[in-house]
Amino acid sequence: ENAETILYREINYQDEAENAIRFAKDFGLGLGGTSVRSTAKSVNGEKLESASEWLRVPFTYGDLSSEKFLVMEFVPSIKVSNDAKLDAAGITQEDREYLAEALARSYLRQFVTNRFFSTDPHPGNLGVEVFNDEDRPPRLVFYDFGQACTLSKDQSLGILEVIESIIDLDAKKSVSAFNRMGVLKDNADLDKVLAKVQSNYDSGRLKVKKRKVRNSAKYLKGSKQSTVNEYQPPTKQVPEAPLSKIEIENNSAKKSSRKEDSEVMEYFTLQSEYAFVARALSQMDGVGKGLDREFDFISAAAPYIVEVKGAKRYLLDEMKKKLEIVYDIEKGILARELALFKSLGFDPNAYRK
């Protein structure tokens, strides 16, 4: 029913006008691409800054629009996938990487703080605005808000928790986030889900890339971010083995993995909102990789976790993570050291009064 509502709203221009107006207000975007006060707040309740330095939408004249007419500001740009025109306009590879990151940043805010997102970020709906000022980077332009979707608070915070769990390679947090999102069935075997997620992290199938360093200072304006999340898991050393043995083991592992994947997927159920989230992520990934071959949403969005959470909340949560590394009763450093001492015959109970 929700999917049907979202799809049919696309043929009603009054609904599209309302979507476009809300999108602009969430990001603090005014007529002419000017900065206005954003209506969105971080998870911690802090007002978010306008995104006008890196994002633009055509201003929508709601009072002139109706079910049959949509009146918007004319905003010329270059289609995001038109490499020839981008090259001719002087858009560098560094500019393209900046635009790909802006796309990921925009969707992190849409999913987490705005709880309202465009479901259709294909190349036909995205442009690049180029400035004559050499000290100003290009700006990403969003068009067409016929299809947009809203998220509940638990859905949006669950998405944030999934993103953070991937960054931290924390399987338990991933499963907790799945529960919060409401995507696990009541009969789900949580131990199997946890084991599969942990296996994906251990195998390196899911990991966050380090953020690229940009040389020009022009990219820093309006970039409220943190690089604390730039984590790379250690590379595992694999002992050498005959090639034939490796191939047999790999084929066996792939078959086993496919079987486990199908079994675990049976425990999941997706609400219609997540179908649109998946669609947006898929289209965004295609656009992002067209700009930056190494693009992935999680890695590009990671530096902006601090923005959507709020600085105080972010720092507090990061501090808790550091303490868990030491004090976690199962995997903390102290727990591992105690287990080592016990294995050597040390009995801590003998020293208690």
Protein backbone atom coordinates (compact mmCIF):
# COMPACT_ATOMS: atom_id res chain seq x y z
CA GLU A 1 0.00 0.00 0.00
CA ASN A 2 2.82 2.44 0.88
CA ALA A 3 4.65 1.63 -2.36
CA GLU A 4 1.46 2.22 -4.36
CA THR A 5 0.95 5.59 -2.65
CA ILE A 6 4.51 6.69 -3.37
CA LEU A 7 4.35 5.65 -7.03
CA TYR A 8 0.98 7.30 -7.72
CA ARG A 9 2.08 10.55 -6.11
CA GLU A 10 4.49 11.02 -9.03
CA ILE A 11 1.63 11.92 -11.38
CA ASN A 12 0.35 14.64 -9.02
CA TYR A 13 2.41 17.84 -9.44
CA GLN A 14 1.04 19.31 -6.22
CA ASP A 15 2.58 16.40 -4.33
CA GLU A 16 5.85 16.85 -6.21
CA ALA A 17 5.87 20.55 -5.31
CA GLU A 18 5.41 19.68 -1.64
CA ASN A 19 8.23 17.12 -1.86
CA ALA A 20 10.58 19.64 -3.49
CA ILE A 21 9.75 22.34 -0.93
CA ARG A 22 10.34 19.98 1.97
CA PHE A 23 13.62 18.74 0.46
CA ALA A 24 14.87 22.33 0.10
CA LYS A 25 13.84 23.26 3.66
CA ASP A 26 15.56 20.18 5.10
CA PHE A 27 18.83 21.24 3.48
CA GLY A 28 18.43 24.99 4.02
CA LEU A 29 18.28 25.85 0.30
CA GLY A 30 16.63 29.05 -0.95
CA LEU A 31 15.90 30.82 -4.22
CA GLY A 32 19.01 31.18 -6.38
CA GLY A 33 20.83 28.53 -4.39
CA THR A 34 21.14 30.84 -1.39
CA SER A 35 21.56 29.68 2.18
CA VAL A 36 18.51 29.72 4.45
CA ARG A 37 17.90 28.17 7.86
CA SER A 38 17.66 24.38 7.69
CA THR A 39 14.63 22.76 9.32
CA ALA A 40 16.52 19.51 9.97
CA LYS A 41 18.24 18.67 13.26
CA SER A 42 20.99 16.25 14.18
CA VAL A 43 20.25 13.16 16.27
CA ASN A 44 21.42 15.22 19.25
CA GLY A 45 18.90 17.97 18.45
CA GLU A 46 21.39 20.48 17.03
CA LYS A 47 20.33 22.59 14.03
CA LEU A 48 22.06 21.45 10.86
CA GLU A 49 23.88 23.95 8.68
CA SER A 50 22.61 24.86 5.23
CA ALA A 51 23.99 22.63 2.47
CA SER A 52 24.05 25.51 -0.04
CA GLU A 53 27.84 25.32 -0.47
CA TRP A 54 27.66 21.84 -1.98
CA LEU A 55 24.02 21.18 -2.90
CA ARG A 56 21.25 22.93 -4.85
CA VAL A 57 17.66 22.33 -5.93
CA PRO A 58 15.43 24.49 -8.14
CA PHE A 59 13.26 26.75 -5.99
CA THR A 60 9.62 25.66 -6.17
CA TYR A 61 6.79 28.19 -6.32
CA GLY A 62 4.19 26.28 -4.31
CA ASP A 63 1.53 29.00 -4.60
CA LEU A 64 1.69 28.82 -8.41
CA SER A 65 1.74 25.02 -8.64
CA SER A 66 -1.24 22.65 -8.81
CA GLU A 67 -2.03 19.03 -9.63
CA LYS A 68 -1.42 19.79 -13.33
CA PHE A 69 1.28 22.49 -13.18
CA LEU A 70 4.65 22.58 -11.44
CA VAL A 71 6.39 25.98 -11.39
CA MET A 72 10.09 25.91 -10.52
CA GLU A 73 13.20 28.03 -10.82
CA PHE A 74 15.33 27.36 -13.90
CA VAL A 75 18.68 25.95 -12.81
CA PRO A 76 21.06 25.09 -15.68
CA SER A 77 23.67 22.41 -15.05
CA ILE A 78 25.64 19.64 -16.73
CA LYS A 79 24.25 16.12 -16.53
CA VAL A 80 26.29 14.31 -13.89
CA SER A 81 27.17 11.47 -16.31
CA ASN A 82 28.15 13.65 -19.29
CA ASP A 83 31.92 13.29 -19.05
CA ALA A 84 32.65 15.22 -22.25
CA LYS A 85 30.82 18.35 -21.05
CA LEU A 86 32.24 18.03 -17.54
CA ASP A 87 35.76 17.84 -19.00
CA ALA A 88 35.07 20.85 -21.22
CA ALA A 89 33.86 22.80 -18.18
CA GLY A 90 37.13 22.10 -16.38
CA ILE A 91 35.74 19.60 -13.87
CA THR A 92 38.76 17.69 -12.57
CA GLN A 93 38.91 14.18 -11.15
CA GLU A 94 39.26 15.73 -7.70
CA ASP A 95 36.06 17.70 -8.38
CA ARG A 96 34.29 14.49 -9.37
CA GLU A 97 35.37 12.76 -6.17
CA TYR A 98 34.10 15.77 -4.20
CA LEU A 99 30.72 15.54 -5.99
CA ALA A 100 30.47 11.80 -5.30
CA GLU A 101 31.10 12.47 -1.63
CA ALA A 102 28.50 15.25 -1.66
CA LEU A 103 25.98 12.76 -3.05
CA ALA A 104 26.72 10.30 -0.22
CA ARG A 105 26.62 13.10 2.35
CA SER A 106 23.24 14.24 1.08
CA TYR A 107 21.78 10.75 1.41
CA LEU A 108 23.20 10.27 4.88
CA ARG A 109 21.31 13.42 5.90
CA GLN A 110 18.20 12.36 4.00
CA PHE A 111 18.09 8.92 5.64
CA VAL A 112 19.09 9.90 9.17
CA THR A 113 18.13 13.50 9.98
CA ASN A 114 15.58 14.51 7.34
CA ARG A 115 13.86 11.10 7.41
CA PHE A 116 12.70 12.00 3.91
CA PHE A 117 14.54 11.12 0.72
CA SER A 118 14.39 11.19 -3.06
CA THR A 119 14.00 7.62 -4.28
CA ASP A 120 15.25 8.33 -7.81
CA PRO A 121 18.89 9.60 -7.90
CA HIS A 122 19.65 8.40 -11.44
CA PRO A 123 21.87 10.52 -13.76
CA GLY A 124 18.85 12.19 -15.39
CA ASN A 125 17.87 13.70 -12.04
CA LEU A 126 21.33 14.95 -11.03
CA GLY A 127 23.36 17.82 -12.46
CA VAL A 128 26.60 19.66 -11.81
CA GLU A 129 26.55 23.43 -11.40
CA VAL A 130 29.85 25.01 -12.46
CA PHE A 131 31.09 28.38 -11.19
CA ASN A 132 33.43 30.89 -12.83
CA ASP A 133 35.17 31.34 -9.48
CA GLU A 134 38.20 29.02 -9.48
CA ASP A 135 38.17 28.96 -5.68
CA ARG A 136 34.70 27.45 -5.54
CA PRO A 137 34.07 23.76 -6.20
CA PRO A 138 31.16 22.60 -8.38
CA ARG A 139 27.79 22.02 -6.76
CA LEU A 140 25.52 18.99 -7.02
CA VAL A 141 21.98 19.74 -8.26
CA PHE A 142 18.96 17.55 -7.50
CA TYR A 143 15.96 17.55 -9.86
CA ASP A 144 12.60 15.72 -9.95
CA PHE A 145 10.93 15.03 -6.61
CA GLY A 146 7.97 13.07 -7.97
CA GLN A 147 9.05 10.04 -5.97
CA ALA A 148 10.04 10.59 -2.35
CA CYS A 149 9.70 8.47 0.76
CA THR A 150 9.48 9.14 4.49
CA LEU A 151 11.05 7.08 7.27
CA SER A 152 10.07 6.59 10.90
CA LYS A 153 12.48 7.53 13.68
CA ASP A 154 13.35 3.88 14.37
CA GLN A 155 13.91 3.24 10.67
CA SER A 156 16.26 6.21 10.28
CA LEU A 157 18.20 5.53 13.49
CA GLY A 158 18.40 1.86 12.54
CA ILE A 159 19.99 2.82 9.23
CA LEU A 160 22.52 4.98 11.09
CA GLU A 161 23.33 2.11 13.45
CA VAL A 162 23.85 -0.25 10.50
CA ILE A 163 26.22 2.25 8.88
CA GLU A 164 28.19 2.69 12.12
CA SER A 165 28.32 -1.07 12.74
CA ILE A 166 29.84 -1.58 9.28
CA ILE A 167 32.38 1.17 9.96
CA ASP A 168 33.26 -0.43 13.33
CA LEU A 169 32.94 -4.04 12.03
CA ASP A 170 30.63 -4.68 14.97
CA ALA A 171 28.40 -7.69 14.20
CA LYS A 172 26.39 -7.43 17.44
CA LYS A 173 25.56 -3.81 16.73
CA SER A 174 24.47 -4.78 13.21
CA VAL A 175 21.98 -7.34 14.52
CA SER A 176 20.73 -4.85 17.11
CA ALA A 177 20.20 -2.33 14.30
CA PHE A 178 18.29 -4.90 12.24
CA ASN A 179 15.95 -5.39 15.20
CA ARG A 180 15.44 -1.66 15.56
CA MET A 181 14.67 -1.32 11.88
CA GLY A 182 12.06 -4.06 12.13
CA VAL A 183 13.58 -6.16 9.33
CA LEU A 184 14.00 -9.40 11.31
CA LYS A 185 11.11 -11.87 11.51
CA ASP A 186 9.87 -12.96 14.93
CA ASN A 187 11.24 -16.48 14.40
CA ALA A 188 14.69 -15.28 13.26
CA ASP A 189 17.62 -17.29 14.59
CA LEU A 190 19.70 -14.38 15.91
CA ASP A 191 22.74 -16.58 16.49
CA LYS A 192 22.81 -17.58 12.80
CA VAL A 193 22.29 -13.97 11.69
CA LEU A 194 25.08 -12.83 14.00
CA ALA A 195 27.42 -15.57 12.78
CA LYS A 196 26.80 -14.63 9.13
CA VAL A 197 27.37 -10.92 9.72
CA GLN A 198 30.56 -11.70 11.68
CA SER A 199 31.72 -13.97 8.85
CA ASN A 200 31.21 -11.15 6.33
CA TYR A 201 33.27 -8.79 8.47
CA ASP A 202 36.02 -11.36 9.11
CA SER A 203 36.28 -12.19 5.39
CA GLY A 204 36.69 -8.54 4.43
CA ARG A 205 33.56 -8.54 2.27
CA LEU A 206 32.47 -5.42 4.14
CA LYS A 207 35.02 -2.77 5.02
CA VAL A 208 35.48 0.97 4.92
CA LYS A 209 38.05 2.62 2.68
CA LYS A 210 40.29 5.42 3.88
CA ARG A 211 39.18 8.86 2.79
CA LYS A 212 41.15 10.47 -0.01
CA VAL A 213 43.13 13.58 0.85
CA ARG A 214 42.31 16.61 -1.29
CA ASN A 215 45.01 19.18 -1.96
CA SER A 216 42.86 22.24 -2.64
CA ALA A 217 41.46 24.33 0.22
CA LYS A 218 38.37 25.15 -1.88
CA TYR A 219 36.77 21.85 -0.81
CA LEU A 220 36.92 22.65 2.91
CA LYS A 221 34.19 25.31 3.04
CA GLY A 222 30.94 23.90 4.41
CA SER A 223 32.63 20.59 5.16
CA LYS A 224 31.77 19.78 8.78
CA GLN A 225 33.22 16.33 9.21
CA SER A 226 35.45 13.98 11.14
CA THR A 227 38.06 11.51 9.97
CA VAL A 228 37.92 9.39 13.15
CA ASN A 229 35.85 6.80 11.29
CA GLU A 230 38.53 6.11 8.68
CA TYR A 231 39.21 2.60 9.87
CA GLN A 232 40.95 -0.17 7.99
CA PRO A 233 40.78 -3.68 9.45
CA PRO A 234 44.13 -5.48 9.64
CA THR A 235 45.02 -7.67 6.71
CA LYS A 236 44.96 -11.35 7.57
CA GLN A 237 47.99 -13.46 6.69
CA VAL A 238 46.98 -16.60 4.79
CA PRO A 239 49.47 -19.50 4.77
CA GLU A 240 50.62 -20.69 1.39
CA ALA A 241 48.98 -23.80 -0.05
CA PRO A 242 49.02 -25.63 -3.40
CA LEU A 243 46.91 -23.86 -6.03
CA SER A 244 44.65 -26.90 -6.62
CA LYS A 245 43.91 -27.16 -2.89
CA ILE A 246 43.09 -23.45 -2.68
CA GLU A 247 40.71 -23.72 -5.67
CA ILE A 248 38.88 -26.72 -4.15
CA GLU A 249 38.58 -25.00 -0.78
CA ASN A 250 37.41 -21.75 -2.39
CA ASN A 251 34.73 -23.52 -4.44
CA SER A 252 33.54 -25.40 -1.37
CA ALA A 253 33.48 -22.20 0.68
CA LYS A 254 31.49 -20.37 -2.02
CA LYS A 255 28.85 -23.12 -2.15
CA SER A 256 28.61 -23.17 1.64
CA SER A 257 28.42 -19.38 1.76
CA ARG A 258 25.59 -19.26 -0.80
CA LYS A 259 23.64 -21.83 1.23
CA GLU A 260 24.17 -19.87 4.44
CA ASP A 261 23.15 -16.63 2.69
CA SER A 262 19.84 -18.11 1.53
CA GLU A 263 19.12 -19.56 4.97
CA VAL A 264 19.86 -16.29 6.76
CA MET A 265 17.90 -14.19 4.24
CA GLU A 266 14.77 -16.15 5.14
CA TYR A 267 14.86 -14.46 8.54
CA PHE A 268 14.53 -10.99 6.99
CA THR A 269 11.43 -9.11 5.92
CA LEU A 270 11.53 -5.73 4.18
CA GLN A 271 8.94 -3.00 4.54
CA SER A 272 8.17 -0.97 1.41
CA GLU A 273 10.28 1.96 2.67
CA TYR A 274 13.39 -0.19 2.62
CA ALA A 275 12.69 -1.25 -0.95
CA PHE A 276 12.92 2.43 -1.88
CA VAL A 277 16.05 2.84 0.28
CA ALA A 278 17.64 -0.05 -1.63
CA ARG A 279 16.60 1.48 -4.94
CA ALA A 280 18.09 4.86 -4.01
CA LEU A 281 21.33 3.22 -2.83
CA SER A 282 21.62 1.20 -6.03
CA GLN A 283 21.13 4.22 -8.29
CA MET A 284 23.41 6.35 -6.12
CA ASP A 285 26.14 3.72 -6.34
CA GLY A 286 26.01 3.83 -10.12
CA VAL A 287 26.26 7.62 -10.21
CA GLY A 288 28.96 7.63 -7.55
CA LYS A 289 31.12 5.11 -9.40
CA GLY A 290 30.69 7.14 -12.58
CA LEU A 291 32.34 10.04 -10.76
CA ASP A 292 34.81 8.07 -8.65
CA ARG A 293 35.66 4.48 -9.56
CA GLU A 294 36.35 3.63 -5.90
CA PHE A 295 33.09 5.10 -4.57
CA ASP A 296 30.98 3.31 -2.01
CA PHE A 297 28.27 4.92 0.10
CA ILE A 298 29.49 3.85 3.55
CA SER A 299 33.08 5.01 3.03
CA ALA A 300 32.02 8.32 1.46
CA ALA A 301 29.44 9.02 4.19
CA ALA A 302 31.61 7.97 7.16
CA PRO A 303 33.32 11.38 7.68
CA TYR A 304 29.89 13.00 8.09
CA ILE A 305 28.60 10.79 10.91
CA VAL A 306 29.58 13.62 13.25
CA GLU A 307 27.33 16.00 11.32
CA VAL A 308 24.18 13.88 11.54
CA LYS A 309 24.73 12.83 15.14
CA GLY A 310 25.85 16.20 16.49
CA ALA A 311 29.36 16.84 17.84
CA LYS A 312 28.58 16.17 21.52
CA ARG A 313 26.71 12.93 20.86
CA TYR A 314 29.36 11.78 18.41
CA LEU A 315 32.25 12.36 20.83
CA LEU A 316 30.38 10.67 23.69
CA ASP A 317 29.62 7.61 21.55
CA GLU A 318 33.22 7.39 20.33
CA MET A 319 34.44 7.55 23.93
CA LYS A 320 32.11 4.67 24.86
CA LYS A 321 33.52 2.61 21.97
CA LYS A 322 37.08 3.17 23.18
CA LEU A 323 36.12 2.10 26.71
CA GLU A 324 34.39 -1.03 25.38
CA ILE A 325 37.64 -2.05 23.70
CA VAL A 326 39.19 -2.21 27.17
CA TYR A 327 36.31 -3.19 29.46
CA ASP A 328 33.92 -5.34 27.38
CA ILE A 329 33.29 -8.45 29.50
CA GLU A 330 33.63 -10.80 26.53
CA LYS A 331 36.06 -9.26 24.03
CA GLY A 332 37.71 -6.41 25.95
CA ILE A 333 41.45 -6.26 26.49
CA LEU A 334 41.08 -6.93 30.23
CA ALA A 335 38.81 -9.94 29.58
CA ARG A 336 41.33 -11.42 27.14
CA GLU A 337 44.24 -10.87 29.56
CA LEU A 338 42.28 -12.48 32.39
CA ALA A 339 41.50 -15.48 30.17
CA LEU A 340 45.21 -15.78 29.38
CA PHE A 341 46.17 -15.73 33.07
CA LYS A 342 43.51 -18.36 33.85
CA SER A 343 44.90 -20.59 31.10
CA LEU A 344 48.29 -20.36 32.85
CA GLY A 345 46.79 -21.51 36.16
CA PHE A 346 46.09 -18.13 37.79
CA ASP A 347 42.93 -18.15 39.95
CA PRO A 348 41.69 -14.60 40.74
CA ASN A 349 39.25 -15.94 43.34
CA ALA A 350 42.18 -17.05 45.51
CA TYR A 351 43.14 -13.40 46.00
CA ARG A 352 39.71 -12.16 47.07
CA LYS A 353 39.13 -11.46 50.75
